[in-house]
């Protein structure tokens, strides 16, 4: 450690100052002694006091020289001699800033602790909200499942109720039970005979429908017609100047019972020739190579569009089913089979098998033109 002290000490300035001080001391003593022997007086002082003044000035020069040398060689010495007050002021400012920083640090620590506590609370609330969300989602799924089950049960109940109603009702209201037509100029006898045939047709249809609906083979079901309405209808037919149709419809819903009686009502109107035999009723172009539907679906859509066109052309639909005619199952599936063998563009055509009037029915033949 002593060797390190010797190595790190600046010996040159120390030795230089020591030598310069010794030289100045010797010089001052020599000058003072010489002036004392010569009895030199300065500022009217006694020679003895003059010698002392020279000695004092020499010491002062030594001190000033030492300070000058030290200031010239060391920045720290210059700072200590000339900037001590500035250093004190800077030290005071730094201490004040340090105190302020410590206070700010304490405030920041307190804010950080408060923020940390708030963050922990927020995290807890977030976890609580997540748990609540999971519970709500679980309840939502359970409610959706319950709602789905209730909808299925409701649909099943509707089907059962519909089935019960359909089983209970043997004959619904506004069912077309029969129809006929009378040409212009028909006599009363011809009209009466035609109405009698229509009544027989109605009774047969009523018996068939109720037997099929109730799964009971009935021998007879009374069917009644309003006499006044029938007489007014005959008078209207006698005075008509064009072909007229007569339709018989069921009056209301009827259930099977011991005293079951069906009331039929008669309607009449102008019977206009809408489609002649062999005339096209409806045509539709279909490209089977790009069709997204099956041949069966395409024919179902074609028949539905044909029905809409026939109604728009003036054909009266069945009030209960909204149909204008029927296509037999054998004819339909034969048409499906023919259409399924076509792989390109095809024109589907429906033409009238016979003359079709306003009252219908629309009886057609289906043909395909590739």
Protein backbone atom coordinates (compact mmCIF):
# COMPACT_ATOMS: atom_id res chain seq x y z
CA UNK A 1 0.00 0.00 0.00
CA UNK A 2 2.92 2.35 0.84
CA UNK A 3 4.54 1.56 -2.49
CA UNK A 4 1.27 2.31 -4.28
CA UNK A 5 1.18 5.68 -2.39
CA UNK A 6 4.71 6.45 -3.53
CA UNK A 7 3.87 5.55 -7.13
CA UNK A 8 0.67 7.57 -7.33
CA UNK A 9 2.08 10.73 -5.63
CA UNK A 10 3.01 13.66 -7.97
CA UNK A 11 6.55 14.21 -6.80
CA UNK A 12 7.60 16.71 -9.42
CA UNK A 13 5.27 19.52 -8.32
CA UNK A 14 6.08 18.86 -4.64
CA UNK A 15 9.82 18.93 -5.19
CA UNK A 16 9.53 21.97 -7.46
CA UNK A 17 7.50 23.89 -4.88
CA UNK A 18 9.90 22.84 -2.11
CA UNK A 19 12.91 24.01 -4.10
CA UNK A 20 11.24 27.26 -5.10
CA UNK A 21 10.20 27.95 -1.49
CA UNK A 22 13.68 27.26 -0.22
CA UNK A 23 15.19 29.51 -2.89
CA UNK A 24 12.76 32.33 -2.11
CA UNK A 25 13.42 31.92 1.62
CA UNK A 26 17.16 32.12 1.13
CA UNK A 27 16.73 35.07 -1.22
CA UNK A 28 14.48 36.89 1.21
CA UNK A 29 16.85 36.25 4.12
CA UNK A 30 19.79 37.44 2.04
CA UNK A 31 18.01 40.59 0.92
CA UNK A 32 16.73 41.30 4.39
CA UNK A 33 20.20 40.76 5.99
CA UNK A 34 21.92 42.88 3.39
CA UNK A 35 19.42 45.71 3.68
CA UNK A 36 19.64 45.41 7.45
CA UNK A 37 23.43 45.77 7.44
CA UNK A 38 23.20 48.77 5.12
CA UNK A 39 20.65 50.30 7.44
CA UNK A 40 18.20 50.70 4.59
CA UNK A 41 14.87 52.18 5.53
CA UNK A 42 11.60 51.63 3.56
CA UNK A 43 8.48 53.66 4.12
CA UNK A 44 10.46 55.55 6.81
CA UNK A 45 10.69 52.42 8.91
CA UNK A 46 13.56 51.48 11.12
CA UNK A 47 16.12 49.19 9.51
CA UNK A 48 15.11 46.39 11.83
CA UNK A 49 11.48 46.74 10.83
CA UNK A 50 12.48 47.05 7.18
CA UNK A 51 14.27 43.68 7.46
CA UNK A 52 11.16 42.16 9.00
CA UNK A 53 8.96 43.65 6.22
CA UNK A 54 11.20 42.12 3.57
CA UNK A 55 11.02 38.75 5.36
CA UNK A 56 7.21 39.00 5.49
CA UNK A 57 7.01 39.96 1.82
CA UNK A 58 9.26 37.03 0.96
CA UNK A 59 6.94 34.68 2.85
CA UNK A 60 3.96 36.17 1.09
CA UNK A 61 5.68 35.73 -2.28
CA UNK A 62 6.42 32.14 -1.33
CA UNK A 63 2.71 31.55 -0.50
CA UNK A 64 1.55 33.31 -3.68
CA UNK A 65 4.05 31.37 -5.74
CA UNK A 66 2.91 28.10 -4.21
CA UNK A 67 -0.72 28.97 -4.92
CA UNK A 68 0.11 30.08 -8.46
CA UNK A 69 2.04 26.93 -9.18
CA UNK A 70 -0.64 24.72 -7.66
CA UNK A 71 -3.38 26.58 -9.56
CA UNK A 72 -1.45 26.27 -12.77
CA UNK A 73 -0.82 22.58 -12.33
CA UNK A 74 -4.19 21.43 -10.84
CA UNK A 75 -7.79 22.14 -11.91
CA UNK A 76 -8.98 21.01 -8.48
CA UNK A 77 -6.83 23.67 -6.77
CA UNK A 78 -8.16 26.38 -9.08
CA UNK A 79 -11.69 25.20 -8.34
CA UNK A 80 -11.00 25.18 -4.58
CA UNK A 81 -9.48 28.68 -4.64
CA UNK A 82 -11.84 30.48 -7.03
CA UNK A 83 -15.06 28.38 -7.31
CA UNK A 84 -15.81 27.23 -3.76
CA UNK A 85 -18.93 29.37 -3.42
CA UNK A 86 -20.15 28.13 -6.81
CA UNK A 87 -19.49 24.57 -5.70
CA UNK A 88 -21.38 25.15 -2.46
CA UNK A 89 -24.30 26.62 -4.38
CA UNK A 90 -24.26 23.72 -6.83
CA UNK A 91 -24.02 21.27 -3.93
CA UNK A 92 -26.98 22.96 -2.26
CA UNK A 93 -28.96 22.83 -5.53
CA UNK A 94 -28.06 19.19 -6.00
CA UNK A 95 -29.11 18.37 -2.44
CA UNK A 96 -32.39 20.21 -3.01
CA UNK A 97 -32.96 18.33 -6.28
CA UNK A 98 -32.05 15.09 -4.54
CA UNK A 99 -34.61 15.83 -1.83
CA UNK A 100 -37.25 16.63 -4.47
CA UNK A 101 -36.37 13.48 -6.36
CA UNK A 102 -36.65 11.43 -3.20
CA UNK A 103 -40.09 12.96 -2.53
CA UNK A 104 -41.14 12.31 -6.12
CA UNK A 105 -39.79 8.79 -5.81
CA UNK A 106 -41.84 8.25 -2.67
CA UNK A 107 -44.92 9.65 -4.38
CA UNK A 108 -44.29 7.42 -7.41
CA UNK A 109 -43.84 4.43 -5.11
CA UNK A 110 -47.13 5.27 -3.41
CA UNK A 111 -48.82 5.73 -6.80
CA UNK A 112 -47.26 2.50 -8.00
CA UNK A 113 -48.49 0.67 -4.92
CA UNK A 114 -51.97 2.15 -5.43
CA UNK A 115 -51.87 1.25 -9.14
CA UNK A 116 -50.70 -2.24 -8.26
CA UNK A 117 -53.56 -2.62 -5.80
CA UNK A 118 -55.99 -1.25 -8.38
CA UNK A 119 -54.53 -3.62 -10.98
CA UNK A 120 -54.97 -6.55 -8.63
CA UNK A 121 -58.57 -5.45 -8.01
CA UNK A 122 -59.14 -5.04 -11.74
CA UNK A 123 -57.66 -8.46 -12.37
CA UNK A 124 -59.95 -9.92 -9.73
CA UNK A 125 -62.95 -8.16 -11.27
CA UNK A 126 -61.86 -9.38 -14.73
CA UNK A 127 -61.64 -12.94 -13.46
CA UNK A 128 -65.06 -12.51 -11.88
CA UNK A 129 -66.47 -11.16 -15.14
CA UNK A 130 -64.92 -14.09 -17.04
CA UNK A 131 -66.49 -16.51 -14.62
CA UNK A 132 -69.82 -14.71 -14.93
CA UNK A 133 -69.50 -14.85 -18.72
CA UNK A 134 -68.82 -18.58 -18.62
CA UNK A 135 -71.84 -19.04 -16.36
CA UNK A 136 -74.00 -16.92 -18.67
CA UNK A 137 -72.83 -18.86 -21.72
CA UNK A 138 -73.60 -22.10 -19.92
CA UNK A 139 -77.06 -20.80 -19.00
CA UNK A 140 -77.54 -19.62 -22.59
CA UNK A 141 -76.68 -23.08 -23.93
CA UNK A 142 -79.00 -24.68 -21.40
CA UNK A 143 -81.80 -22.24 -22.32
CA UNK A 144 -81.22 -22.84 -26.05
CA UNK A 145 -81.34 -26.58 -25.46
CA UNK A 146 -84.52 -26.21 -23.41
CA UNK A 147 -86.00 -23.92 -26.07
CA UNK A 148 -85.12 -26.42 -28.78
CA UNK A 149 -86.76 -29.21 -26.79
CA UNK A 150 -89.83 -27.03 -26.20
CA UNK A 151 -90.02 -26.22 -29.92
CA UNK A 152 -89.77 -29.89 -30.80
CA UNK A 153 -92.46 -30.71 -28.24
CA UNK A 154 -94.60 -27.84 -29.53
CA UNK A 155 -94.17 -29.04 -33.11
CA UNK A 156 -95.04 -32.56 -32.03
CA UNK A 157 -98.11 -31.30 -30.17
CA UNK A 158 -99.17 -29.29 -33.23
CA UNK A 159 -98.81 -32.38 -35.38
CA UNK A 160 -100.80 -34.44 -32.90
CA UNK A 161 -103.45 -31.71 -32.64
CA UNK A 162 -103.58 -31.43 -36.42
CA UNK A 163 -103.85 -35.18 -36.66
CA UNK A 164 -106.61 -35.26 -34.06
CA UNK A 165 -108.45 -32.47 -35.83
CA UNK A 166 -108.02 -34.10 -39.21
CA UNK A 167 -109.21 -37.39 -37.76
CA UNK A 168 -112.15 -35.71 -36.08
CA UNK A 169 -113.18 -33.74 -39.16
CA UNK A 170 -114.49 -36.16 -41.73
CA UNK A 171 -115.28 -33.48 -44.33
CA UNK A 172 -113.85 -29.96 -44.38
CA UNK A 173 -115.59 -26.82 -45.54
CA UNK A 174 -115.29 -25.55 -49.15
CA UNK A 175 -114.33 -28.95 -50.55
CA UNK A 176 -115.25 -29.29 -54.22
CA UNK A 177 -117.74 -32.18 -54.27
CA UNK A 178 -118.70 -32.08 -57.93
CA UNK A 179 -119.30 -29.85 -60.95
CA UNK A 180 -121.05 -29.78 -64.29
CA UNK A 181 -121.75 -27.32 -67.11
CA UNK A 182 -124.76 -26.25 -69.17
CA UNK A 183 -124.64 -24.85 -72.69
CA UNK A 184 -126.46 -21.73 -73.75
CA UNK A 185 -130.18 -22.33 -74.38
CA UNK A 186 -130.54 -25.40 -72.16
CA UNK A 187 -134.13 -26.23 -71.23
CA UNK A 188 -135.49 -26.66 -67.72
CA UNK A 189 -135.65 -30.41 -68.22
CA UNK A 190 -132.01 -30.56 -69.30
CA UNK A 191 -130.98 -28.38 -66.38
CA UNK A 192 -133.01 -30.44 -63.89
CA UNK A 193 -131.53 -33.67 -65.22
CA UNK A 194 -128.01 -32.22 -65.09
CA UNK A 195 -128.49 -31.07 -61.52
CA UNK A 196 -129.81 -34.51 -60.54
CA UNK A 197 -126.67 -36.13 -61.96
CA UNK A 198 -124.58 -33.54 -60.10
CA UNK A 199 -126.36 -34.41 -56.84
CA UNK A 200 -125.66 -38.10 -57.36
CA UNK A 201 -122.02 -37.26 -58.04
CA UNK A 202 -121.91 -35.15 -54.86
CA UNK A 203 -123.45 -37.90 -52.71
CA UNK A 204 -120.98 -40.43 -54.06
CA UNK A 205 -118.02 -38.12 -53.44
CA UNK A 206 -119.21 -37.29 -49.92
CA UNK A 207 -119.61 -40.97 -49.07
CA UNK A 208 -116.18 -41.81 -50.50
CA UNK A 209 -114.38 -38.93 -48.77
CA UNK A 210 -115.92 -39.54 -45.35
CA UNK A 211 -115.33 -43.31 -45.58
CA UNK A 212 -111.68 -42.77 -46.53
CA UNK A 213 -111.18 -40.15 -43.83
CA UNK A 214 -112.82 -42.09 -41.01
CA UNK A 215 -111.63 -45.53 -42.17
CA UNK A 216 -115.23 -46.67 -41.89
CA UNK A 217 -117.24 -48.08 -44.76
CA UNK A 218 -120.48 -46.10 -44.63
CA UNK A 219 -123.58 -47.12 -46.56
CA UNK A 220 -125.08 -43.67 -46.93
CA UNK A 221 -124.61 -40.06 -45.79
CA UNK A 222 -127.54 -37.65 -46.19
CA UNK A 223 -126.67 -34.67 -48.43
CA UNK A 224 -129.03 -31.71 -48.52
CA UNK A 225 -129.33 -28.79 -50.97
CA UNK A 226 -131.16 -25.54 -50.34
CA UNK A 227 -134.32 -25.58 -52.46
CA UNK A 228 -134.62 -21.80 -52.80
CA UNK A 229 -130.99 -21.45 -53.89
CA UNK A 230 -131.45 -24.28 -56.38
CA UNK A 231 -134.55 -22.66 -57.90
CA UNK A 232 -132.75 -19.30 -58.22
CA UNK A 233 -129.83 -21.08 -59.88
CA UNK A 234 -132.15 -22.78 -62.41
CA UNK A 235 -133.67 -19.42 -63.27
CA UNK A 236 -130.20 -17.93 -63.79
CA UNK A 237 -129.20 -20.83 -66.04
CA UNK A 238 -132.35 -20.47 -68.14
CA UNK A 239 -131.67 -16.79 -68.77
CA UNK A 240 -127.94 -17.18 -69.42
CA UNK A 241 -126.67 -16.24 -72.90
CA UNK A 242 -123.48 -18.33 -72.69
CA UNK A 243 -122.20 -21.59 -71.26
CA UNK A 244 -122.44 -21.76 -67.44
CA UNK A 245 -120.76 -23.99 -64.86
CA UNK A 246 -122.30 -25.24 -61.62
CA UNK A 247 -120.08 -26.31 -58.69
CA UNK A 248 -121.14 -28.05 -55.50
CA UNK A 249 -119.10 -27.26 -52.35
CA UNK A 250 -119.34 -28.49 -48.78
CA UNK A 251 -120.90 -25.91 -46.50
CA UNK A 252 -118.84 -26.42 -43.32
CA UNK A 253 -116.66 -28.88 -41.37
CA UNK A 254 -118.41 -32.16 -40.61
CA UNK A 255 -117.58 -34.88 -38.09
CA UNK A 256 -118.70 -38.47 -38.11
CA UNK A 257 -121.78 -39.02 -35.93
CA UNK A 258 -125.13 -40.72 -35.72
CA UNK A 259 -127.02 -37.65 -36.98
CA UNK A 260 -124.47 -36.54 -39.56
CA UNK A 261 -126.02 -34.55 -42.43
CA UNK A 262 -124.01 -32.67 -45.10
CA UNK A 263 -125.27 -29.38 -46.49
CA UNK A 264 -123.96 -28.62 -49.98
CA UNK A 265 -124.12 -25.24 -51.64
CA UNK A 266 -124.28 -24.58 -55.38
CA UNK A 267 -122.35 -21.91 -57.27
CA UNK A 268 -122.62 -20.87 -60.91
CA UNK A 269 -120.69 -18.65 -63.30
CA UNK A 270 -119.61 -18.15 -66.88
CA UNK A 271 -117.79 -21.16 -68.35
CA UNK A 272 -115.29 -19.87 -70.90
CA UNK A 273 -113.16 -22.07 -73.15
CA UNK A 274 -109.64 -21.40 -71.87
CA UNK A 275 -107.54 -24.11 -73.59
CA UNK A 276 -108.53 -26.08 -76.71
CA UNK A 277 -107.67 -29.75 -77.07
CA UNK A 278 -103.97 -30.13 -77.95
CA UNK A 279 -103.19 -26.47 -77.26
CA UNK A 280 -100.11 -25.70 -75.09
CA UNK A 281 -100.98 -24.81 -71.51
CA UNK A 282 -97.47 -24.08 -70.25
CA UNK A 283 -93.91 -24.46 -71.55
CA UNK A 284 -90.56 -24.13 -69.81
CA UNK A 285 -86.93 -24.39 -70.97
CA UNK A 286 -84.53 -26.33 -68.74
CA UNK A 287 -80.82 -27.16 -69.25
CA UNK A 288 -80.43 -30.56 -67.61
CA UNK A 289 -76.63 -30.43 -67.98
CA UNK A 290 -76.38 -27.58 -65.46
CA UNK A 291 -79.59 -28.10 -63.43
CA UNK A 292 -79.01 -28.23 -59.67
CA UNK A 293 -82.32 -29.99 -58.96
CA UNK A 294 -83.34 -33.57 -59.56
CA UNK A 295 -85.76 -34.44 -62.41
CA UNK A 296 -88.50 -35.06 -59.83
CA UNK A 297 -87.96 -31.63 -58.26
CA UNK A 298 -87.90 -29.98 -61.69
CA UNK A 299 -91.29 -31.53 -62.57
CA UNK A 300 -92.80 -30.54 -59.23
CA UNK A 301 -91.71 -26.92 -59.85
CA UNK A 302 -93.03 -27.13 -63.44
CA UNK A 303 -96.48 -28.33 -62.26
CA UNK A 304 -96.64 -25.63 -59.57
CA UNK A 305 -95.82 -22.94 -62.16
CA UNK A 306 -98.39 -24.49 -64.52
CA UNK A 307 -101.05 -24.25 -61.80
CA UNK A 308 -100.22 -20.57 -61.20
CA UNK A 309 -100.47 -19.83 -64.93
CA UNK A 310 -103.78 -21.69 -65.24
CA UNK A 311 -105.24 -19.72 -62.33
CA UNK A 312 -103.95 -16.50 -63.91
CA UNK A 313 -105.64 -17.54 -67.19
CA UNK A 314 -109.00 -17.86 -65.40
CA UNK A 315 -109.21 -21.52 -64.33
CA UNK A 316 -111.05 -21.89 -61.00
CA UNK A 317 -109.00 -23.79 -58.39
CA UNK A 318 -110.40 -26.12 -55.75
CA UNK A 319 -111.08 -23.78 -52.76
CA UNK A 320 -109.86 -26.41 -50.28
CA UNK A 321 -106.63 -27.49 -52.02
CA UNK A 322 -106.01 -24.63 -54.50
CA UNK A 323 -105.39 -27.26 -57.18
CA UNK A 324 -106.69 -26.97 -60.76
CA UNK A 325 -106.28 -30.65 -61.57
CA UNK A 326 -104.27 -33.74 -60.79
CA UNK A 327 -101.59 -35.69 -62.61
CA UNK A 328 -101.70 -39.41 -61.93
CA UNK A 329 -98.79 -40.98 -60.10
CA UNK A 330 -98.01 -43.33 -62.98
CA UNK A 331 -97.96 -40.49 -65.51
CA UNK A 332 -95.81 -38.34 -63.20
CA UNK A 333 -93.17 -41.01 -62.65
CA UNK A 334 -93.10 -41.90 -66.32
CA UNK A 335 -92.39 -38.23 -67.04
CA UNK A 336 -89.65 -38.24 -64.38
CA UNK A 337 -88.09 -41.31 -65.98
CA UNK A 338 -88.11 -39.69 -69.43
CA UNK A 339 -86.63 -36.43 -68.10
CA UNK A 340 -83.85 -38.25 -66.22
CA UNK A 341 -82.60 -39.70 -69.52
CA UNK A 342 -82.09 -36.23 -71.03
CA UNK A 343 -78.62 -34.75 -70.47
CA UNK A 344 -78.88 -31.43 -72.31
CA UNK A 345 -81.28 -28.54 -72.98
CA UNK A 346 -84.94 -29.53 -73.10
CA UNK A 347 -88.30 -27.79 -73.55
CA UNK A 348 -90.93 -29.17 -71.16
CA UNK A 349 -94.42 -28.75 -72.64
CA UNK A 350 -97.87 -29.35 -71.13
CA UNK A 351 -100.77 -29.54 -73.63
CA UNK A 352 -104.50 -29.95 -73.00
CA UNK A 353 -105.88 -33.47 -73.45
CA UNK A 354 -109.34 -32.01 -74.11
CA UNK A 355 -111.12 -28.67 -74.18
CA UNK A 356 -110.62 -27.00 -70.80
CA UNK A 357 -113.18 -24.48 -69.54
CA UNK A 358 -113.17 -22.10 -66.59
CA UNK A 359 -114.33 -24.71 -64.09
CA UNK A 360 -111.56 -27.14 -65.10
CA UNK A 361 -110.12 -29.55 -64.34
CA UNK A 362 -106.86 -29.04 -66.20
CA UNK A 363 -106.04 -32.42 -67.77
CA UNK A 364 -102.68 -32.36 -69.57
CA UNK A 365 -100.12 -34.40 -71.46
CA UNK A 366 -96.43 -33.73 -70.72
CA UNK A 367 -93.91 -33.86 -73.56
CA UNK A 368 -90.18 -33.14 -73.85
CA UNK A 369 -88.48 -31.52 -76.84
CA UNK A 370 -84.70 -31.76 -76.79
